[in-house]
Protein backbone atom coordinates (compact mmCIF):
# COMPACT_ATOMS: atom_id res chain seq x y z
CA MET A 1 -8.11 52.45 -12.18
CA ILE A 2 -10.44 55.40 -11.76
CA ARG A 3 -8.87 58.66 -10.62
CA LYS A 4 -10.79 61.41 -8.84
CA THR A 5 -9.77 65.02 -9.29
CA ILE A 6 -10.40 67.88 -6.89
CA ASP A 7 -11.20 71.41 -8.00
CA ARG A 8 -8.94 73.24 -5.54
CA SER A 9 -10.28 76.67 -6.44
CA GLY A 10 -13.82 75.54 -5.73
CA LEU A 11 -12.74 73.93 -2.45
CA ALA A 12 -11.06 77.14 -1.32
CA ALA A 13 -14.20 79.10 -2.07
CA PHE A 14 -16.24 76.58 -0.04
CA PHE A 15 -14.03 76.96 3.03
CA SER A 16 -14.13 80.73 2.76
CA LEU A 17 -17.91 80.64 2.70
CA THR A 18 -18.05 78.30 5.67
CA VAL A 19 -15.82 80.55 7.80
CA VAL A 20 -17.88 83.62 6.96
CA PHE A 21 -21.07 81.76 7.82
CA ALA A 22 -19.67 80.57 11.16
CA VAL A 23 -18.57 84.07 12.10
CA ALA A 24 -21.94 85.47 11.19
CA CYS A 25 -23.67 82.85 13.34
CA ALA A 26 -21.37 83.58 16.27
CA GLU A 27 -22.21 87.25 16.10
CA GLU A 28 -25.99 86.80 16.10
CA THR A 29 -26.66 83.55 18.13
CA PRO A 30 -29.02 84.05 21.11
CA THR A 31 -27.09 81.38 23.10
CA SER A 32 -24.00 83.49 23.67
CA LEU A 33 -21.28 82.30 26.08
CA ASP A 34 -21.39 85.58 27.95
CA PRO A 35 -20.33 84.66 31.54
CA ASP A 36 -22.79 87.15 32.97
CA LEU A 37 -25.65 85.02 31.64
CA LEU A 38 -24.49 81.69 33.21
CA PRO A 39 -26.16 80.50 36.45
CA PRO A 40 -23.97 81.28 39.52
CA GLU A 41 -21.94 78.48 41.06
CA PRO A 42 -23.58 76.63 43.98
CA ILE A 43 -22.34 77.31 47.49
CA THR A 44 -20.89 74.57 49.75
CA VAL A 45 -20.89 75.01 53.53
CA GLU A 46 -19.96 72.89 56.56
CA LEU A 47 -22.41 73.01 59.45
CA HIS A 48 -22.12 71.74 63.02
CA PHE A 49 -25.20 70.88 65.07
CA PRO A 50 -24.97 70.32 68.86
CA TRP A 51 -26.32 67.16 70.49
CA GLU A 52 -29.65 68.76 71.43
CA GLU A 53 -30.41 69.57 67.79
CA PHE A 54 -29.81 66.16 66.23
CA ALA A 55 -29.79 63.36 68.85
CA SER A 56 -31.63 62.06 71.90
CA ASN A 57 -32.37 59.00 74.06
CA LEU A 58 -28.80 57.82 74.60
CA ALA A 59 -28.51 54.46 76.39
CA VAL A 60 -25.61 52.06 77.03
CA PHE A 61 -26.14 48.29 77.07
CA GLY A 62 -23.67 45.53 77.93
CA GLY A 63 -23.50 41.75 77.79
CA TYR A 64 -23.02 41.08 74.07
CA GLY A 65 -21.01 37.94 73.44
CA ALA A 66 -18.82 36.01 75.89
CA PRO A 67 -15.06 35.99 76.56
CA ALA A 68 -14.87 32.43 75.22
CA GLU A 69 -15.69 33.75 71.73
CA LEU A 70 -12.35 35.55 71.60
CA GLY A 71 -10.34 32.34 71.63
CA THR A 72 -7.74 34.04 73.82
CA GLY A 73 -7.10 34.56 77.52
CA VAL A 74 -6.33 37.40 79.93
CA LEU A 75 -4.26 37.40 83.12
CA ALA A 76 -4.21 40.22 85.66
CA ASN A 77 -3.31 40.70 89.30
CA VAL A 78 -4.67 43.92 90.85
CA PHE A 79 -3.86 45.68 87.60
CA ALA A 80 -4.51 49.42 87.98
CA GLY A 81 -5.33 48.59 91.59
CA THR A 82 -8.57 46.81 90.68
CA LEU A 83 -8.54 44.21 87.92
CA ASN A 84 -7.97 40.49 88.52
CA ALA A 85 -8.22 37.97 85.66
CA ARG A 86 -7.46 34.28 85.15
CA THR A 87 -7.53 32.03 82.10
CA VAL A 88 -9.13 28.58 81.97
CA VAL A 89 -8.27 25.99 79.32
CA ARG A 90 -9.49 22.52 78.37
CA TYR A 91 -7.61 20.21 75.98
CA GLY A 92 -8.91 17.63 73.54
CA ALA A 93 -8.36 13.89 73.39
CA TYR A 94 -4.84 12.54 73.52
CA PRO A 95 -3.33 10.90 70.42
CA THR A 96 -3.93 7.14 70.44
CA GLU A 97 -1.47 6.03 67.78
CA VAL A 98 1.92 6.99 66.37
CA SER A 99 4.14 5.58 63.62
CA VAL A 100 7.29 4.14 65.23
CA ARG A 101 10.43 2.53 63.90
CA ASP A 102 10.86 -0.67 65.92
CA THR A 103 14.14 -2.23 67.06
CA LEU A 104 14.50 -3.96 63.70
CA GLY A 105 14.21 -0.69 61.79
CA THR A 106 10.69 -1.26 60.46
CA THR A 107 8.18 1.62 60.76
CA ARG A 108 4.85 0.41 62.13
CA PRO A 109 1.82 1.98 63.85
CA ASP A 110 1.90 1.72 67.64
CA ASN A 111 -1.26 2.24 69.68
CA ASN A 112 0.21 1.13 73.00
CA LEU A 113 1.58 4.46 74.21
CA THR A 114 2.85 5.38 77.66
CA PHE A 115 2.73 9.07 78.57
CA ILE A 116 5.64 9.84 80.88
CA GLY A 117 5.14 13.58 81.29
CA GLY A 118 4.90 16.69 79.19
CA ARG A 119 4.69 20.43 79.19
CA ILE A 120 2.07 23.16 78.87
CA VAL A 121 3.21 26.17 76.89
CA ALA A 122 1.43 29.55 76.99
CA TYR A 123 1.99 32.10 74.22
CA PHE A 124 1.52 35.84 74.83
CA ASP A 125 0.74 38.95 72.82
CA THR A 126 3.71 41.09 73.83
CA ILE A 127 2.10 44.29 72.47
CA ALA A 128 -1.20 43.86 74.29
CA SER A 129 0.52 42.83 77.55
CA THR A 130 1.56 45.63 79.90
CA ASN A 131 4.65 44.14 81.58
CA ASP A 132 8.13 45.39 80.69
CA GLY A 133 10.04 42.76 82.65
CA PRO A 134 9.74 39.22 84.02
CA VAL A 135 6.53 38.08 85.72
CA THR A 136 5.74 34.95 87.72
CA LEU A 137 2.89 32.73 86.52
CA ALA A 138 1.15 29.80 88.19
CA LEU A 139 -0.52 26.71 86.72
CA GLY A 140 -3.22 24.71 88.48
CA GLY A 141 -5.69 21.90 87.83
CA LEU A 142 -9.42 22.69 87.99
CA GLN A 143 -11.47 20.51 90.33
CA GLN A 144 -15.12 21.05 89.42
CA GLU A 145 -17.37 21.11 86.37
CA TRP A 146 -17.29 24.30 84.33
CA ASP A 147 -18.91 25.56 81.14
CA VAL A 148 -16.65 27.52 78.81
CA GLY A 149 -19.48 29.63 77.35
CA THR A 150 -20.86 30.92 80.65
CA VAL A 151 -17.96 30.75 83.08
CA THR A 152 -17.34 33.94 85.10
CA TRP A 153 -15.33 34.96 88.15
CA GLU A 154 -18.18 33.81 90.38
CA SER A 155 -19.90 31.10 88.31
CA ALA A 156 -18.51 27.82 87.01
CA VAL A 157 -21.78 27.11 85.15
CA ASP A 158 -24.52 29.62 84.38
CA THR A 159 -26.84 27.94 81.89
CA ILE A 160 -30.63 27.56 81.85
CA ASN A 161 -31.77 25.83 85.04
CA ASP A 162 -28.15 25.25 86.08
CA ASP A 163 -26.29 27.93 88.01
CA ARG A 164 -23.28 26.71 90.00
CA ALA A 165 -20.74 28.91 91.68
CA TRP A 166 -17.04 28.20 92.01
CA SER A 167 -16.05 26.86 95.41
CA GLU A 168 -13.70 29.83 95.46
CA PRO A 169 -14.29 32.92 93.29
CA GLY A 170 -11.89 33.16 90.40
CA ALA A 171 -12.12 29.55 89.12
CA GLY A 172 -10.90 27.92 92.27
CA PRO A 173 -9.64 26.17 94.13
CA VAL A 174 -7.05 24.40 91.97
CA LEU A 175 -4.39 21.75 92.40
CA ASP A 176 -0.97 23.38 92.46
CA TRP A 177 0.97 22.34 89.36
CA GLY A 178 3.86 24.74 89.75
CA THR A 179 5.09 28.16 88.67
CA ALA A 180 7.18 29.59 85.85
CA ILE A 181 8.69 32.95 84.94
CA TRP A 182 7.96 34.70 81.66
CA ASP A 183 10.42 37.33 80.50
CA PRO A 184 9.26 39.10 77.31
CA ALA A 185 12.90 39.92 76.53
CA GLU A 186 13.54 36.20 76.02
CA GLY A 187 10.52 35.33 73.87
CA ASP A 188 6.74 35.28 73.71
CA SER A 189 6.09 32.02 75.58
CA VAL A 190 6.48 30.32 78.95
CA THR A 191 6.72 26.57 79.69
CA PHE A 192 5.33 24.57 82.62
CA LEU A 193 6.71 21.06 83.04
CA ILE A 194 4.12 18.49 84.15
CA ASP A 195 4.58 14.91 85.34
CA SER A 196 2.85 11.69 84.30
CA ALA A 197 0.26 11.94 87.10
CA ILE A 198 -0.90 15.35 85.85
CA VAL A 199 -0.98 14.05 82.27
CA ALA A 200 -3.10 11.09 83.39
CA SER A 201 -5.54 13.36 85.28
CA MET A 202 -6.42 15.22 82.06
CA ALA A 203 -6.83 12.17 79.82
CA ASP A 204 -10.52 11.44 80.48
CA THR A 205 -12.52 13.45 77.90
CA SER A 206 -15.82 12.62 79.66
CA ASP A 207 -14.68 14.52 82.77
CA THR A 208 -16.28 17.98 82.47
CA GLY A 209 -14.21 19.21 85.37
CA ARG A 210 -10.85 18.62 83.75
CA GLY A 211 -8.86 21.67 82.70
CA VAL A 212 -6.17 24.05 83.80
CA ARG A 213 -6.11 27.54 85.26
CA LEU A 214 -3.42 30.07 84.46
CA GLU A 215 -2.82 33.07 86.70
CA VAL A 216 -0.19 35.75 87.14
CA LEU A 217 1.28 36.14 90.63
CA SER A 218 3.15 39.37 89.94
CA GLU A 219 1.03 42.40 90.79
CA GLY A 220 0.16 45.38 88.65
CA VAL A 221 0.21 43.74 85.21
CA ARG A 222 -2.29 42.65 82.56
CA LEU A 223 -1.25 39.94 80.08
CA GLN A 224 -2.87 38.78 76.84
CA VAL A 225 -2.71 34.99 76.28
CA LEU A 226 -2.87 34.20 72.58
CA ARG A 227 -3.08 30.42 72.95
CA THR A 228 -1.71 27.45 74.85
CA SER A 229 -0.32 24.06 73.85
CA LEU A 230 -0.16 20.68 75.61
CA GLN A 231 2.87 18.63 74.54
CA LEU A 232 3.09 15.01 75.69
CA ASN A 233 6.26 13.00 76.23
CA THR A 234 5.43 9.51 74.92
CA ARG A 235 7.23 6.18 75.17
CA PRO A 236 6.04 3.76 72.45
CA SER A 237 5.92 0.01 73.14
CA LEU A 238 7.65 -0.87 69.86
CA ASN A 239 10.73 1.13 70.82
CA PRO A 240 10.71 1.81 74.57
CA ASP A 241 14.19 3.37 74.47
CA SER A 242 12.94 6.35 72.42
CA THR A 243 10.71 9.29 73.35
CA PHE A 244 8.17 10.96 71.10
CA TYR A 245 6.65 14.42 71.56
CA LEU A 246 2.97 14.54 70.65
CA PHE A 247 0.67 17.56 70.61
CA THR A 248 -2.85 17.67 72.03
CA PRO A 249 -5.13 20.38 70.63
CA GLN A 250 -6.45 23.18 72.79
CA LYS A 251 -10.20 22.55 72.80
CA GLU A 252 -11.60 25.45 74.84
CA ILE A 253 -10.23 28.65 76.33
CA SER A 254 -11.83 31.55 78.19
CA PHE A 255 -11.05 33.97 80.97
CA VAL A 256 -12.78 35.22 84.08
CA TYR A 257 -12.28 38.64 85.62
CA ASP A 258 -13.33 40.89 88.45
CA PRO A 259 -14.72 43.47 88.80
CA ILE A 260 -17.10 43.80 85.85
CA PRO A 261 -17.27 47.56 85.08
CA ASP A 262 -20.54 49.37 85.75
CA PRO A 263 -22.34 51.13 82.88
CA PRO A 264 -21.03 54.68 82.39
CA PRO A 265 -23.36 57.22 84.02
CA ASP A 266 -22.62 60.07 81.61
CA GLY A 267 -20.74 58.84 78.56
CA ILE A 268 -20.46 56.53 75.56
CA ARG A 269 -18.86 53.08 75.81
CA ILE A 270 -18.01 50.72 72.93
CA GLY A 271 -16.37 47.28 73.02
CA GLY A 272 -15.20 45.08 75.89
CA ALA A 273 -15.84 41.40 76.66
CA PRO A 274 -18.78 40.93 77.01
CA ALA A 275 -19.25 43.88 74.67
CA TRP A 276 -20.91 47.26 75.24
CA ARG A 277 -23.09 49.15 72.76
CA THR A 278 -24.34 52.74 72.85
CA ILE A 279 -27.76 53.49 71.34
CA LEU A 280 -29.01 56.92 70.25
CA ASP A 281 -31.85 58.37 68.18
CA ILE A 282 -31.06 60.62 65.20
CA ALA A 283 -33.14 63.49 63.78
CA MET A 284 -31.74 65.20 60.68
CA PRO A 285 -32.36 68.96 60.47
CA LYS A 286 -34.90 69.86 57.81
CA LEU A 287 -34.50 73.68 57.78
CA ILE A 288 -31.10 75.40 57.72
CA HIS A 289 -30.93 78.90 59.26
CA GLY A 290 -27.29 79.79 58.62
CA PRO A 291 -24.43 80.55 58.38
CA PRO A 292 -24.59 84.19 57.16
CA GLU A 293 -22.78 83.46 53.88
CA LEU A 294 -25.38 80.81 53.03
CA CYS A 295 -28.28 83.08 53.89
CA ALA A 296 -26.76 85.92 51.88
CA SER A 297 -26.42 83.70 48.82
CA VAL A 298 -29.64 81.70 48.78
CA GLY A 299 -31.82 83.14 51.54
CA CYS A 300 -32.80 81.47 54.79
CA PRO A 301 -34.24 79.25 55.99
CA VAL A 302 -33.05 76.65 53.49
CA SER A 303 -35.21 73.55 53.14
CA LEU A 304 -32.74 70.66 53.07
CA ASP A 305 -32.94 68.18 50.19
CA ALA A 306 -31.26 64.76 50.21
CA GLY A 307 -29.46 65.60 46.95
CA GLU A 308 -27.78 68.57 48.64
CA VAL A 309 -26.21 66.41 51.37
CA ASN A 310 -22.55 65.68 50.59
CA PHE A 311 -21.24 64.33 53.88
CA VAL A 312 -22.61 63.60 57.36
CA ALA A 313 -20.77 62.31 60.42
CA ILE A 314 -21.33 61.97 64.13
CA VAL A 315 -18.26 63.50 65.74
CA LEU A 316 -17.27 61.90 69.05
CA THR A 317 -14.62 63.15 71.46
CA SER A 318 -12.55 60.44 73.13
CA ARG A 319 -12.10 60.34 76.88
CA THR A 320 -9.75 58.43 79.14
CA THR A 321 -10.95 54.87 79.69
CA GLU A 322 -10.61 53.33 83.15
CA THR A 323 -6.97 52.30 83.46
CA ALA A 324 -7.80 48.63 84.03
CA PHE A 325 -9.65 48.48 80.69
CA GLN A 326 -7.65 50.90 78.55
CA PRO A 327 -7.07 49.66 74.99
CA THR A 328 -3.55 48.59 74.00
CA ASP A 329 -4.39 48.04 70.32
CA THR A 330 -6.36 49.80 67.59
CA ILE A 331 -10.12 49.93 68.17
CA GLY A 332 -12.51 49.28 65.25
CA LEU A 333 -15.76 51.25 65.63
CA ASP A 334 -18.94 50.32 63.80
CA VAL A 335 -22.39 51.89 63.50
CA ARG A 336 -25.57 50.04 62.53
CA PRO A 337 -29.26 50.97 62.37
CA VAL A 338 -31.40 49.54 65.19
CA LEU A 339 -34.36 47.96 63.41
CA LEU A 340 -36.63 47.61 66.46
CA ARG A 341 -35.62 49.75 69.43
CA ALA A 342 -38.43 48.38 71.58
CA SER A 343 -36.62 45.01 71.60
CA LEU A 344 -33.40 46.35 73.15
CA PRO A 345 -31.01 45.13 74.41
CA LYS A 346 -31.54 42.29 71.90
CA ALA A 347 -32.97 44.35 69.05
CA PRO A 348 -32.09 43.26 65.48
CA LEU A 349 -29.57 45.47 63.69
CA GLY A 350 -29.17 46.51 60.07
CA ASN A 351 -26.02 46.38 57.96
CA SER A 352 -22.89 48.27 58.90
CA LEU A 353 -22.72 51.89 57.73
CA LEU A 354 -18.90 51.79 57.79
CA GLY A 355 -17.92 48.59 55.98
CA THR A 356 -15.80 45.63 57.04
CA LEU A 357 -13.01 47.40 58.93
CA GLY A 358 -15.11 50.12 60.52
CA LYS A 359 -13.56 53.33 61.83
CA ARG A 360 -10.05 52.66 63.14
CA VAL A 361 -9.03 54.56 66.28
CA SER A 362 -5.61 54.51 67.93
CA PRO A 363 -5.50 53.24 71.53
CA THR A 364 -3.76 56.48 72.55
CA ALA A 365 -7.06 58.31 71.99
CA PHE A 366 -8.29 56.76 75.23
CA GLY A 367 -5.13 57.42 77.22
CA ASP A 368 -2.43 60.03 76.64
CA ALA A 369 -4.24 61.61 73.66
CA ALA A 370 -7.72 61.69 75.19
CA GLY A 371 -9.82 64.51 73.74
CA GLU A 372 -9.32 63.47 70.12
CA GLU A 373 -12.24 64.03 67.75
CA VAL A 374 -13.37 60.91 65.88
CA GLU A 375 -15.69 61.24 62.87
CA VAL A 376 -18.17 58.39 62.36
CA PRO A 377 -19.60 58.80 58.81
CA ILE A 378 -23.33 58.15 58.29
CA THR A 379 -23.88 59.93 54.94
CA LEU A 380 -26.09 57.44 53.08
CA TYR A 381 -28.19 56.77 56.16
CA ALA A 382 -28.61 60.53 56.75
CA GLN A 383 -29.69 61.06 53.14
CA ASP A 384 -32.36 58.39 53.65
CA LEU A 385 -33.59 60.20 56.77
CA VAL A 386 -33.87 63.48 54.87
CA ARG A 387 -35.60 61.72 51.96
CA GLY A 388 -37.91 59.78 54.28
CA VAL A 389 -37.36 56.41 52.55
CA ASP A 390 -34.39 54.08 52.06
CA ALA A 391 -33.28 52.27 48.89
CA ASP A 392 -35.98 49.62 49.44
CA GLY A 393 -38.74 52.19 49.80
CA ASP A 394 -39.05 51.64 53.56
CA THR A 395 -39.00 54.26 56.29
CA PRO A 396 -35.47 54.28 57.72
CA PRO A 397 -35.13 53.57 61.48
CA ILE A 398 -34.18 56.57 63.61
CA SER A 399 -31.99 54.66 66.11
CA LEU A 400 -28.31 53.82 65.67
CA ALA A 401 -26.01 51.48 67.58
CA LEU A 402 -22.40 52.53 68.14
CA MET A 403 -20.45 49.31 68.67
CA SER A 404 -17.20 47.50 67.94
CA VAL A 405 -16.66 45.83 64.57
CA PHE A 406 -16.35 42.43 66.24
CA GLU A 407 -18.13 41.52 69.48
CA PRO A 408 -16.37 40.80 71.66
CA VAL A 409 -12.86 41.73 70.53
CA SER A 410 -10.95 42.53 73.74
CA ILE A 411 -11.40 43.02 77.47
CA SER A 412 -10.65 46.72 76.87
CA PHE A 413 -13.18 49.23 75.57
CA ALA A 414 -13.44 52.71 74.02
CA SER A 415 -14.87 55.68 75.91
CA PHE A 416 -16.28 58.96 74.59
CA TYR A 417 -17.91 62.02 76.14
CA GLY A 418 -21.70 61.96 76.21
CA PRO A 419 -24.43 64.62 76.19
CA GLY A 420 -24.41 67.15 78.99
CA SER A 421 -20.66 67.71 78.81
CA GLY A 422 -18.69 70.42 77.08
CA LEU A 423 -17.39 67.79 74.65
CA ALA A 424 -20.70 66.17 73.73
CA PRO A 425 -21.09 64.55 70.28
CA TYR A 426 -22.08 66.88 67.44
CA LEU A 427 -23.30 66.41 63.89
CA LYS A 428 -21.06 67.48 61.02
CA LEU A 429 -23.04 68.26 57.87
CA VAL A 430 -21.58 69.36 54.51
CA ILE A 431 -24.14 70.55 51.96
CA THR A 432 -24.08 72.14 48.51
CA VAL A 433 -26.97 74.46 47.68
CA ALA A 434 -27.67 76.02 44.26
CA ARG A 435 -27.85 79.80 44.11
CA PRO A 436 -31.00 81.32 42.59
CA VAL A 437 -30.78 82.35 38.92
CA GLU A 438 -31.67 85.98 38.25
CA LEU A 439 -32.76 87.08 34.81
CA PRO A 440 -30.93 90.13 33.34
């Protein structure tokens, strides 16, 4: 084993020398940590620009998507004194076979079924519906061909080279199949009993006129239909003393309503079914002329650089939506670049600037709490505008579309004040600018 010895006196002398050397260096180094010689901290300011200084060419377009895309229905009877809505439904093919235990106790398939009646059940969104108490509903059988994708209050079919109106506006007339009362205090569904003749009338899948119409007879309410179900009472041939309950899938559902709201003459509208979009052009400020504390620190005007931009948002102020179309649930706002404005209203759009969920806004912002400010962030897009190129090296488009995250998402829509009002949109800009370094 080899042992190493340490000369402790020599080691102590070494450390003493090192400390002296370090002190000497600290006293004479030209890179002193004197705080007076450090560059001053940058200044961060929040700026607000009125509509006239950052935006122009506002336009509102409607007609995006169709109510059938929602997969839900709406019922209304002079709601808010104006709105009427009815839901139309078509069901798929009936089951043709069921496994039955015969009179001897053996389970076998039976394809000789007799439908002796059934029931149609409608399920409601109790939060989105406006009624507090019981309402009376009516069920009827449609009597003419209709197209689920284009059906409206006036039109049963509105496709290329085929435009046919309802015999009566509002998806009518219908065969009267009875009424039922829905009380939200007792559950979220209502049941209509139907007889064998009604069941037989809906069995032919080649009949494009088959279907049912739901309406609410009670006035002053708006109801949200989540889905419906057709349940068949079946008597199998292998065991005629028993009854089976079979389910037929809901194939198509849509709703028709009247009146369709007119475009807003002086504001911003987002959402609805079909959906509304609001288009505007954006111009980022290039020279900053204030505030005084900025000018005093760095001098004005300040030429804006993309790297100095921390946060940018369009700030909207909510306004009361027409009562008939007021939201009852959270609204998801989205904003996307318009890639070719000349092609509006069907111009292609870029990716969302807000992500999957968008900007969530409470429904109260368009009712009791109207006047709420809503920030719509556009930071990365704004940085591209200041820079003059996007991440792909292309010139960024100057037009943006304010829209709902999903189109359509509800019969209701969001409303905001537009330019020309005291609550017009403004641009919120947060920047950080370096102070100039002065030599001593």
